[in-house]
Amino acid sequence: MIDEPRMHRFVLACALVSSLAHAADAGLVTTVIVVRHAEKAAEPKLDPPLTPAGEARAAALVKAVGPRLDAVLSTDFARTRNTGAPAAAKFKLSVQTVGGGAPEFAKEVLEKHRGQTVLIVGHSNTVPAIVTALGAAKPKDICETEFDDLFVVTVPASGTATVEQKKYGAKTPCPP
């Protein structure tokens, strides 16, 4: 039988550990890097591969993601998976495909990758929606010839998410 002072110390220790664990969770910041797939071939129309320029951009993405990457998420198309593949390989990860749209990507990140750094590869019409679904302000639309936008979404444990737009790889301006 445990005496009362020992039980009291045990309960206090459990409360302290629980409190520290909660405080650690409260400080978690999730970093999500969201990009459009790299340059794609014209054929086959349904699921084209990357062009040589796209392969070069995918290689440039490896440097752009920085020193840490915990997960790579993609839509289920060759161009998105192949854009994320070099970064995934560098960090010994696999490219995980996520079905659905922006809400499904946000849910996957916020439920399974809280406190981590995640790369999401989407499309010109899904990248702004993914940024918004993560809680940040909607970025500008991406034109059909732009492939160099990189959005870094910072999602704190509490408070408002923020987004910073950067460029990577060869410049691909949007025509006027």
Foldseek 3Di string as FASTA:
>chain_A
DDDDVVVVVVVVVVVVVVVVVVVVLQFFKEKEKEFEFFAFDPPPPPATAHDPLRLQQLVFVLVVLPDFEDAEEEAPGNRQLSSPVVNCVVVVHHYHYFDDALLRVLCCCVVPPTNGYYYYYHHQVGRQVNLVSVQEHRDDGDDPQFGFWMKIWMRGSDDGIYIDIDGTDDGGDDDD
